[in-house]
Amino acid sequence: MLFTWQPNPHVEFNAAGKVLLRQDADALVAYNFGLGLSHDFERQLTIRPEIGILTNPGEAGYYRHLSLALSMPWGK
């Protein structure tokens, strides 16, 4: 994750980037932007929608992807 910004106690904005190295194929680059939505990040379920772009720097075009995750604190 590159950064997380929390403008208020119930919302987080996240940005991340990564390079995917593959054997016998070009490397891919991905950029992801997401949200965290929760009443209490330390004690309750968090909903995490995300949108991203996957590119091959050696070719034109890109792939868009969407995801939805749930996270919950454990061990407290």
PDB file of N, CA and C in Angstrom:
ATOM      1  N   MET A   1       0.852  -1.163   0.000  1.00  0.00           N
ATOM      2  CA  MET A   1       0.000   0.000   0.000  1.00  0.00           C
ATOM      3  C   MET A   1       0.902   1.232   0.000  1.00  0.00           C
ATOM      4  N   LEU A   2       0.599   2.160  -0.847  1.00  0.00           N
ATOM      5  CA  LEU A   2       1.386   3.390  -0.904  1.00  0.00           C
ATOM      6  C   LEU A   2       0.979   4.373   0.179  1.00  0.00           C
ATOM      7  N   PHE A   3      -0.341   4.524   0.360  1.00  0.00           N
ATOM      8  CA  PHE A   3      -0.780   5.416   1.424  1.00  0.00           C
ATOM      9  C   PHE A   3      -2.223   5.122   1.804  1.00  0.00           C
ATOM     10  N   THR A   4      -2.568   5.525   3.008  1.00  0.00           N
ATOM     11  CA  THR A   4      -3.945   5.492   3.501  1.00  0.00           C
ATOM     12  C   THR A   4      -4.234   6.851   4.112  1.00  0.00           C
ATOM     13  N   TRP A   5      -5.371   7.413   3.753  1.00  0.00           N
ATOM     14  CA  TRP A   5      -5.800   8.697   4.292  1.00  0.00           C
ATOM     15  C   TRP A   5      -7.168   8.501   4.917  1.00  0.00           C
ATOM     16  N   GLN A   6      -7.326   8.934   6.161  1.00  0.00           N
ATOM     17  CA  GLN A   6      -8.585   8.777   6.887  1.00  0.00           C
ATOM     18  C   GLN A   6      -9.161  10.162   7.185  1.00  0.00           C
ATOM     19  N   PRO A   7     -10.064  10.672   6.315  1.00  0.00           N
ATOM     20  CA  PRO A   7     -10.611  12.015   6.510  1.00  0.00           C
ATOM     21  C   PRO A   7     -11.563  12.122   7.695  1.00  0.00           C
ATOM     22  N   ASN A   8     -12.148  10.991   8.102  1.00  0.00           N
ATOM     23  CA  ASN A   8     -12.992  10.966   9.297  1.00  0.00           C
ATOM     24  C   ASN A   8     -12.945   9.564   9.885  1.00  0.00           C
ATOM     25  N   PRO A   9     -13.508   9.323  11.067  1.00  0.00           N
ATOM     26  CA  PRO A   9     -13.385   8.025  11.728  1.00  0.00           C
ATOM     27  C   PRO A   9     -14.075   6.860  11.011  1.00  0.00           C
ATOM     28  N   HIS A  10     -14.842   7.116   9.963  1.00  0.00           N
ATOM     29  CA  HIS A  10     -15.607   6.054   9.311  1.00  0.00           C
ATOM     30  C   HIS A  10     -15.181   5.763   7.880  1.00  0.00           C
ATOM     31  N   VAL A  11     -14.230   6.527   7.324  1.00  0.00           N
ATOM     32  CA  VAL A  11     -13.833   6.380   5.921  1.00  0.00           C
ATOM     33  C   VAL A  11     -12.309   6.408   5.801  1.00  0.00           C
ATOM     34  N   GLU A  12     -11.767   5.471   4.999  1.00  0.00           N
ATOM     35  CA  GLU A  12     -10.358   5.477   4.628  1.00  0.00           C
ATOM     36  C   GLU A  12     -10.259   5.474   3.105  1.00  0.00           C
ATOM     37  N   PHE A  13      -9.288   6.190   2.561  1.00  0.00           N
ATOM     38  CA  PHE A  13      -8.946   6.126   1.145  1.00  0.00           C
ATOM     39  C   PHE A  13      -7.581   5.453   1.043  1.00  0.00           C
ATOM     40  N   ASN A  14      -7.446   4.496   0.127  1.00  0.00           N
ATOM     41  CA  ASN A  14      -6.204   3.747  -0.032  1.00  0.00           C
ATOM     42  C   ASN A  14      -5.735   3.793  -1.481  1.00  0.00           C
ATOM     43  N   ALA A  15      -4.415   3.815  -1.659  1.00  0.00           N
ATOM     44  CA  ALA A  15      -3.822   3.704  -2.992  1.00  0.00           C
ATOM     45  C   ALA A  15      -2.649   2.738  -2.905  1.00  0.00           C
ATOM     46  N   ALA A  16      -2.498   1.923  -3.936  1.00  0.00           N
ATOM     47  CA  ALA A  16      -1.415   0.945  -3.963  1.00  0.00           C
ATOM     48  C   ALA A  16      -0.964   0.725  -5.395  1.00  0.00           C
ATOM     49  N   GLY A  17       0.248   0.274  -5.528  1.00  0.00           N
ATOM     50  CA  GLY A  17       0.787  -0.089  -6.826  1.00  0.00           C
ATOM     51  C   GLY A  17       1.629  -1.334  -6.675  1.00  0.00           C
ATOM     52  N   LYS A  18       1.751  -2.094  -7.762  1.00  0.00           N
ATOM     53  CA  LYS A  18       2.592  -3.285  -7.704  1.00  0.00           C
ATOM     54  C   LYS A  18       3.083  -3.649  -9.090  1.00  0.00           C
ATOM     55  N   VAL A  19       4.177  -4.380  -9.107  1.00  0.00           N
ATOM     56  CA  VAL A  19       4.739  -4.918 -10.336  1.00  0.00           C
ATOM     57  C   VAL A  19       4.638  -6.433 -10.239  1.00  0.00           C
ATOM     58  N   LEU A  20       4.064  -7.059 -11.248  1.00  0.00           N
ATOM     59  CA  LEU A  20       3.911  -8.510 -11.283  1.00  0.00           C
ATOM     60  C   LEU A  20       4.981  -9.084 -12.208  1.00  0.00           C
ATOM     61  N   LEU A  21       5.941  -9.784 -11.638  1.00  0.00           N
ATOM     62  CA  LEU A  21       7.022 -10.386 -12.411  1.00  0.00           C
ATOM     63  C   LEU A  21       6.637 -11.821 -12.737  1.00  0.00           C
ATOM     64  N   ARG A  22       6.722 -12.169 -14.023  1.00  0.00           N
ATOM     65  CA  ARG A  22       6.313 -13.505 -14.456  1.00  0.00           C
ATOM     66  C   ARG A  22       7.453 -14.167 -15.221  1.00  0.00           C
ATOM     67  N   GLN A  23       7.559 -15.492 -15.106  1.00  0.00           N
ATOM     68  CA  GLN A  23       8.548 -16.229 -15.882  1.00  0.00           C
ATOM     69  C   GLN A  23       8.099 -16.287 -17.334  1.00  0.00           C
ATOM     70  N   ASP A  24       9.010 -16.101 -18.239  1.00  0.00           N
ATOM     71  CA  ASP A  24       8.746 -16.227 -19.683  1.00  0.00           C
ATOM     72  C   ASP A  24       7.645 -15.303 -20.187  1.00  0.00           C
ATOM     73  N   ALA A  25       7.445 -14.160 -19.551  1.00  0.00           N
ATOM     74  CA  ALA A  25       6.422 -13.206 -20.000  1.00  0.00           C
ATOM     75  C   ALA A  25       6.808 -11.807 -19.519  1.00  0.00           C
ATOM     76  N   ASP A  26       6.196 -10.802 -20.112  1.00  0.00           N
ATOM     77  CA  ASP A  26       6.450  -9.417 -19.714  1.00  0.00           C
ATOM     78  C   ASP A  26       5.950  -9.156 -18.297  1.00  0.00           C
ATOM     79  N   ALA A  27       6.602  -8.236 -17.630  1.00  0.00           N
ATOM     80  CA  ALA A  27       6.126  -7.789 -16.319  1.00  0.00           C
ATOM     81  C   ALA A  27       4.861  -6.955 -16.510  1.00  0.00           C
ATOM     82  N   LEU A  28       3.965  -7.008 -15.543  1.00  0.00           N
ATOM     83  CA  LEU A  28       2.734  -6.224 -15.556  1.00  0.00           C
ATOM     84  C   LEU A  28       2.780  -5.223 -14.410  1.00  0.00           C
ATOM     85  N   VAL A  29       2.107  -4.091 -14.583  1.00  0.00           N
ATOM     86  CA  VAL A  29       2.051  -3.055 -13.551  1.00  0.00           C
ATOM     87  C   VAL A  29       0.589  -2.809 -13.202  1.00  0.00           C
ATOM     88  N   ALA A  30       0.285  -2.749 -11.900  1.00  0.00           N
ATOM     89  CA  ALA A  30      -1.093  -2.526 -11.449  1.00  0.00           C
ATOM     90  C   ALA A  30      -1.146  -1.333 -10.503  1.00  0.00           C
ATOM     91  N   TYR A  31      -2.236  -0.580 -10.610  1.00  0.00           N
ATOM     92  CA  TYR A  31      -2.530   0.546  -9.715  1.00  0.00           C
ATOM     93  C   TYR A  31      -3.920   0.307  -9.146  1.00  0.00           C
ATOM     94  N   ASN A  32      -4.070   0.414  -7.836  1.00  0.00           N
ATOM     95  CA  ASN A  32      -5.355   0.175  -7.183  1.00  0.00           C
ATOM     96  C   ASN A  32      -5.728   1.354  -6.293  1.00  0.00           C
ATOM     97  N   PHE A  33      -7.016   1.675  -6.286  1.00  0.00           N
ATOM     98  CA  PHE A  33      -7.559   2.731  -5.439  1.00  0.00           C
ATOM     99  C   PHE A  33      -8.783   2.172  -4.736  1.00  0.00           C
ATOM    100  N   GLY A  34      -8.859   2.367  -3.415  1.00  0.00           N
ATOM    101  CA  GLY A  34      -9.970   1.777  -2.686  1.00  0.00           C
ATOM    102  C   GLY A  34     -10.442   2.626  -1.526  1.00  0.00           C
ATOM    103  N   LEU A  35     -11.505   2.137  -0.916  1.00  0.00           N
ATOM    104  CA  LEU A  35     -12.119   2.761   0.256  1.00  0.00           C
ATOM    105  C   LEU A  35     -12.209   1.739   1.376  1.00  0.00           C
ATOM    106  N   GLY A  36     -12.216   2.217   2.583  1.00  0.00           N
ATOM    107  CA  GLY A  36     -12.587   1.425   3.743  1.00  0.00           C
ATOM    108  C   GLY A  36     -13.747   2.132   4.414  1.00  0.00           C
ATOM    109  N   LEU A  37     -14.840   1.417   4.641  1.00  0.00           N
ATOM    110  CA  LEU A  37     -16.041   2.005   5.243  1.00  0.00           C
ATOM    111  C   LEU A  37     -16.432   1.194   6.469  1.00  0.00           C
ATOM    112  N   SER A  38     -16.474   1.836   7.641  1.00  0.00           N
ATOM    113  CA  SER A  38     -16.790   1.129   8.878  1.00  0.00           C
ATOM    114  C   SER A  38     -17.248   2.113   9.954  1.00  0.00           C
ATOM    115  N   HIS A  39     -18.031   1.610  10.885  1.00  0.00           N
ATOM    116  CA  HIS A  39     -18.390   2.422  12.055  1.00  0.00           C
ATOM    117  C   HIS A  39     -17.221   2.504  13.026  1.00  0.00           C
ATOM    118  N   ASP A  40     -16.409   1.424  13.087  1.00  0.00           N
ATOM    119  CA  ASP A  40     -15.258   1.380  13.986  1.00  0.00           C
ATOM    120  C   ASP A  40     -14.236   0.404  13.400  1.00  0.00           C
ATOM    121  N   PHE A  41     -13.165   0.906  12.801  1.00  0.00           N
ATOM    122  CA  PHE A  41     -12.184   0.067  12.120  1.00  0.00           C
ATOM    123  C   PHE A  41     -11.502  -0.926  13.055  1.00  0.00           C
ATOM    124  N   GLU A  42     -11.371  -0.600  14.332  1.00  0.00           N
ATOM    125  CA  GLU A  42     -10.658  -1.465  15.267  1.00  0.00           C
ATOM    126  C   GLU A  42     -11.528  -2.550  15.879  1.00  0.00           C
ATOM    127  N   ARG A  43     -12.862  -2.432  15.770  1.00  0.00           N
ATOM    128  CA  ARG A  43     -13.742  -3.393  16.448  1.00  0.00           C
ATOM    129  C   ARG A  43     -14.815  -4.022  15.574  1.00  0.00           C
ATOM    130  N   GLN A  44     -15.088  -3.467  14.401  1.00  0.00           N
ATOM    131  CA  GLN A  44     -16.209  -3.955  13.593  1.00  0.00           C
ATOM    132  C   GLN A  44     -15.787  -4.288  12.168  1.00  0.00           C
ATOM    133  N   LEU A  45     -16.694  -4.914  11.463  1.00  0.00           N
ATOM    134  CA  LEU A  45     -16.512  -5.274  10.067  1.00  0.00           C
ATOM    135  C   LEU A  45     -16.267  -4.027   9.216  1.00  0.00           C
ATOM    136  N   THR A  46     -15.342  -4.132   8.263  1.00  0.00           N
ATOM    137  CA  THR A  46     -15.049  -3.043   7.333  1.00  0.00           C
ATOM    138  C   THR A  46     -15.336  -3.513   5.912  1.00  0.00           C
ATOM    139  N   ILE A  47     -16.055  -2.723   5.144  1.00  0.00           N
ATOM    140  CA  ILE A  47     -16.324  -2.994   3.734  1.00  0.00           C
ATOM    141  C   ILE A  47     -15.266  -2.258   2.923  1.00  0.00           C
ATOM    142  N   ARG A  48     -14.641  -2.966   1.959  1.00  0.00           N
ATOM    143  CA  ARG A  48     -13.526  -2.391   1.204  1.00  0.00           C
ATOM    144  C   ARG A  48     -13.708  -2.564  -0.306  1.00  0.00           C
ATOM    145  N   PRO A  49     -14.435  -1.636  -0.954  1.00  0.00           N
ATOM    146  CA  PRO A  49     -14.506  -1.661  -2.419  1.00  0.00           C
ATOM    147  C   PRO A  49     -13.205  -1.113  -3.016  1.00  0.00           C
ATOM    148  N   GLU A  50     -12.842  -1.627  -4.200  1.00  0.00           N
ATOM    149  CA  GLU A  50     -11.594  -1.214  -4.833  1.00  0.00           C
ATOM    150  C   GLU A  50     -11.745  -1.233  -6.352  1.00  0.00           C
ATOM    151  N   ILE A  51     -11.070  -0.316  -7.011  1.00  0.00           N
ATOM    152  CA  ILE A  51     -10.993  -0.294  -8.471  1.00  0.00           C
ATOM    153  C   ILE A  51      -9.518  -0.241  -8.842  1.00  0.00           C
ATOM    154  N   GLY A  52      -9.169  -0.875  -9.948  1.00  0.00           N
ATOM    155  CA  GLY A  52      -7.772  -0.886 -10.341  1.00  0.00           C
ATOM    156  C   GLY A  52      -7.580  -0.956 -11.836  1.00  0.00           C
ATOM    157  N   ILE A  53      -6.342  -0.733 -12.230  1.00  0.00           N
ATOM    158  CA  ILE A  53      -5.936  -0.795 -13.629  1.00  0.00           C
ATOM    159  C   ILE A  53      -4.696  -1.683 -13.705  1.00  0.00           C
ATOM    160  N   LEU A  54      -4.698  -2.613 -14.648  1.00  0.00           N
ATOM    161  CA  LEU A  54      -3.564  -3.498 -14.897  1.00  0.00           C
ATOM    162  C   LEU A  54      -3.038  -3.205 -16.295  1.00  0.00           C
ATOM    163  N   THR A  55      -1.740  -2.925 -16.415  1.00  0.00           N
ATOM    164  CA  THR A  55      -1.157  -2.588 -17.715  1.00  0.00           C
ATOM    165  C   THR A  55       0.059  -3.456 -18.001  1.00  0.00           C
ATOM    166  N   ASN A  56       0.328  -3.615 -19.268  1.00  0.00           N
ATOM    167  CA  ASN A  56       1.582  -4.191 -19.730  1.00  0.00           C
ATOM    168  C   ASN A  56       2.341  -3.032 -20.360  1.00  0.00           C
ATOM    169  N   PRO A  57       3.419  -2.559 -19.729  1.00  0.00           N
ATOM    170  CA  PRO A  57       4.109  -1.375 -20.240  1.00  0.00           C
ATOM    171  C   PRO A  57       4.595  -1.514 -21.681  1.00  0.00           C
ATOM    172  N   GLY A  58       4.757  -2.731 -22.170  1.00  0.00           N
ATOM    173  CA  GLY A  58       5.226  -2.933 -23.531  1.00  0.00           C
ATOM    174  C   GLY A  58       4.122  -2.937 -24.577  1.00  0.00           C
ATOM    175  N   GLU A  59       2.875  -2.795 -24.156  1.00  0.00           N
ATOM    176  CA  GLU A  59       1.742  -2.845 -25.080  1.00  0.00           C
ATOM    177  C   GLU A  59       0.769  -1.711 -24.793  1.00  0.00           C
ATOM    178  N   ALA A  60      -0.063  -1.395 -25.763  1.00  0.00           N
ATOM    179  CA  ALA A  60      -1.102  -0.375 -25.578  1.00  0.00           C
ATOM    180  C   ALA A  60      -2.300  -0.996 -24.858  1.00  0.00           C
ATOM    181  N   GLY A  61      -3.059  -0.174 -24.169  1.00  0.00           N
ATOM    182  CA  GLY A  61      -4.279  -0.634 -23.517  1.00  0.00           C
ATOM    183  C   GLY A  61      -4.072  -1.013 -22.063  1.00  0.00           C
ATOM    184  N   TYR A  62      -5.173  -1.370 -21.424  1.00  0.00           N
ATOM    185  CA  TYR A  62      -5.155  -1.730 -20.007  1.00  0.00           C
ATOM    186  C   TYR A  62      -6.411  -2.544 -19.695  1.00  0.00           C
ATOM    187  N   TYR A  63      -6.404  -3.179 -18.534  1.00  0.00           N
ATOM    188  CA  TYR A  63      -7.565  -3.905 -18.017  1.00  0.00           C
ATOM    189  C   TYR A  63      -8.029  -3.204 -16.749  1.00  0.00           C
ATOM    190  N   ARG A  64      -9.320  -2.995 -16.611  1.00  0.00           N
ATOM    191  CA  ARG A  64      -9.884  -2.453 -15.373  1.00  0.00           C
ATOM    192  C   ARG A  64     -10.431  -3.616 -14.549  1.00  0.00           C
ATOM    193  N   HIS A  65     -10.338  -3.488 -13.245  1.00  0.00           N
ATOM    194  CA  HIS A  65     -10.922  -4.512 -12.386  1.00  0.00           C
ATOM    195  C   HIS A  65     -11.566  -3.857 -11.164  1.00  0.00           C
ATOM    196  N   LEU A  66     -12.582  -4.513 -10.664  1.00  0.00           N
ATOM    197  CA  LEU A  66     -13.305  -4.089  -9.465  1.00  0.00           C
ATOM    198  C   LEU A  66     -13.282  -5.234  -8.467  1.00  0.00           C
ATOM    199  N   SER A  67     -13.244  -4.904  -7.192  1.00  0.00           N
ATOM    200  CA  SER A  67     -13.330  -5.945  -6.173  1.00  0.00           C
ATOM    201  C   SER A  67     -14.036  -5.394  -4.942  1.00  0.00           C
ATOM    202  N   LEU A  68     -14.504  -6.305  -4.139  1.00  0.00           N
ATOM    203  CA  LEU A  68     -15.155  -5.962  -2.878  1.00  0.00           C
ATOM    204  C   LEU A  68     -14.644  -6.930  -1.824  1.00  0.00           C
ATOM    205  N   ALA A  69     -14.120  -6.403  -0.744  1.00  0.00           N
ATOM    206  CA  ALA A  69     -13.583  -7.235   0.328  1.00  0.00           C
ATOM    207  C   ALA A  69     -14.226  -6.840   1.650  1.00  0.00           C
ATOM    208  N   LEU A  70     -14.192  -7.764   2.576  1.00  0.00           N
ATOM    209  CA  LEU A  70     -14.631  -7.523   3.950  1.00  0.00           C
ATOM    210  C   LEU A  70     -13.452  -7.830   4.856  1.00  0.00           C
ATOM    211  N   SER A  71     -13.191  -6.975   5.821  1.00  0.00           N
ATOM    212  CA  SER A  71     -12.137  -7.249   6.793  1.00  0.00           C
ATOM    213  C   SER A  71     -12.687  -7.047   8.195  1.00  0.00           C
ATOM    214  N   MET A  72     -12.119  -7.828   9.109  1.00  0.00           N
ATOM    215  CA  MET A  72     -12.594  -7.793  10.489  1.00  0.00           C
ATOM    216  C   MET A  72     -11.404  -8.005  11.417  1.00  0.00           C
ATOM    217  N   PRO A  73     -11.288  -7.241  12.486  1.00  0.00           N
ATOM    218  CA  PRO A  73     -10.180  -7.443  13.423  1.00  0.00           C
ATOM    219  C   PRO A  73     -10.319  -8.779  14.162  1.00  0.00           C
ATOM    220  N   TRP A  74      -9.192  -9.416  14.422  1.00  0.00           N
ATOM    221  CA  TRP A  74      -9.171 -10.695  15.137  1.00  0.00           C
ATOM    222  C   TRP A  74      -8.275 -10.590  16.363  1.00  0.00           C
ATOM    223  N   GLY A  75      -8.561 -11.398  17.357  1.00  0.00           N
ATOM    224  CA  GLY A  75      -7.678 -11.531  18.501  1.00  0.00           C
ATOM    225  C   GLY A  75      -7.747 -10.436  19.545  1.00  0.00           C
ATOM    226  N   LYS A  76      -8.844  -9.694  19.589  1.00  0.00           N
ATOM    227  CA  LYS A  76      -8.953  -8.652  20.620  1.00  0.00           C
ATOM    228  C   LYS A  76     -10.042  -8.998  21.590  1.00  0.00           C
TER     229      LYS A  76
END
